[in-house]
Amino acid sequence: MNIQDRIQELCQENGLSLSKLAKQSGLSETTVYDWFNENNRTPSIKALEDICLVFEISLAEFFSAINQNELTEKEIRLLELFR
């Protein structure tokens, strides 16, 4: 599972669309959808913190369900910045 998969999993568990997630987290819909379309952008730590607030979980809880072997190089760098 990668970051995008985890976001989708949390949305499904909480009955949220990506559009509603964007609104509730204070992010633009374009930003959120860019994580899932051909732009395949990686969310920033700040964006992930905002998402975690919506789901009432910590970043540690967010990342605990992610298989680190499936992370992209950019995602790994983001995690290293979090340390």
Protein backbone atom coordinates (compact mmCIF):
# COMPACT_ATOMS: atom_id res chain seq x y z
CA MET A 1 0.00 0.00 0.00
CA ASN A 2 1.34 3.44 -0.90
CA ILE A 3 0.28 6.90 0.33
CA GLN A 4 -2.47 7.28 -2.26
CA ASP A 5 -3.86 3.83 -1.46
CA ARG A 6 -3.89 4.70 2.24
CA ILE A 7 -5.76 7.95 1.60
CA GLN A 8 -8.34 6.09 -0.49
CA GLU A 9 -8.67 3.41 2.18
CA LEU A 10 -9.32 6.04 4.88
CA CYS A 11 -11.84 7.82 2.64
CA GLN A 12 -13.73 4.57 2.07
CA GLU A 13 -13.68 3.69 5.77
CA ASN A 14 -15.06 7.13 6.62
CA GLY A 15 -17.48 7.53 3.72
CA LEU A 16 -15.68 10.50 2.21
CA SER A 17 -15.09 11.33 -1.41
CA LEU A 18 -11.81 12.95 -2.42
CA SER A 19 -13.75 16.16 -2.97
CA LYS A 20 -15.13 16.10 0.59
CA LEU A 21 -11.69 15.24 1.94
CA ALA A 22 -10.26 18.28 0.17
CA LYS A 23 -12.93 20.57 1.64
CA GLN A 24 -12.64 19.22 5.17
CA SER A 25 -8.84 19.35 5.14
CA GLY A 26 -8.66 22.86 3.67
CA LEU A 27 -6.86 21.65 0.55
CA SER A 28 -7.90 22.43 -2.98
CA GLU A 29 -9.60 19.71 -4.97
CA THR A 30 -6.95 20.14 -7.65
CA THR A 31 -4.21 19.39 -5.14
CA VAL A 32 -5.92 16.24 -3.92
CA TYR A 33 -6.82 14.99 -7.40
CA ASP A 34 -3.25 15.61 -8.61
CA TRP A 35 -2.14 12.89 -6.19
CA PHE A 36 -4.26 10.38 -8.09
CA ASN A 37 -4.12 11.42 -11.74
CA GLU A 38 -1.34 11.27 -14.29
CA ASN A 39 0.53 14.04 -12.43
CA ASN A 40 1.00 11.47 -9.64
CA ARG A 41 2.18 14.09 -7.18
CA THR A 42 3.14 13.10 -3.65
CA PRO A 43 1.34 14.87 -0.80
CA SER A 44 3.47 17.11 1.39
CA ILE A 45 3.86 16.39 5.09
CA LYS A 46 1.67 19.44 5.82
CA ALA A 47 -1.06 18.07 3.55
CA LEU A 48 -0.83 14.68 5.23
CA GLU A 49 -1.09 16.34 8.64
CA ASP A 50 -4.24 18.14 7.45
CA ILE A 51 -5.68 14.85 6.21
CA CYS A 52 -4.85 13.12 9.48
CA LEU A 53 -6.78 15.83 11.34
CA VAL A 54 -9.86 15.02 9.26
CA PHE A 55 -9.57 11.32 10.09
CA GLU A 56 -8.55 12.02 13.69
CA ILE A 57 -5.39 9.94 13.43
CA SER A 58 -1.70 10.69 13.87
CA LEU A 59 0.87 10.59 11.09
CA ALA A 60 2.27 7.48 12.75
CA GLU A 61 -1.13 5.81 12.47
CA PHE A 62 -1.40 6.95 8.86
CA PHE A 63 1.96 5.43 7.94
CA SER A 64 1.62 2.28 10.06
CA ALA A 65 -0.59 0.71 7.38
CA ILE A 66 1.79 1.46 4.51
CA ASN A 67 4.18 -1.15 3.19
CA GLN A 68 7.43 0.78 2.99
CA ASN A 69 8.70 -1.47 0.19
CA GLU A 70 6.03 0.07 -2.06
CA LEU A 71 6.98 3.70 -1.41
CA THR A 72 8.46 5.82 -4.16
CA GLU A 73 11.81 7.50 -3.67
CA LYS A 74 10.07 10.84 -3.15
CA GLU A 75 7.75 9.36 -0.53
CA ILE A 76 10.74 7.91 1.33
CA ARG A 77 12.43 11.33 1.33
CA LEU A 78 9.28 12.88 2.80
CA LEU A 79 9.26 10.31 5.58
CA GLU A 80 12.91 10.99 6.30
CA LEU A 81 12.13 14.71 6.66
CA PHE A 82 9.47 13.85 9.22
CA ARG A 83 12.01 12.22 11.55
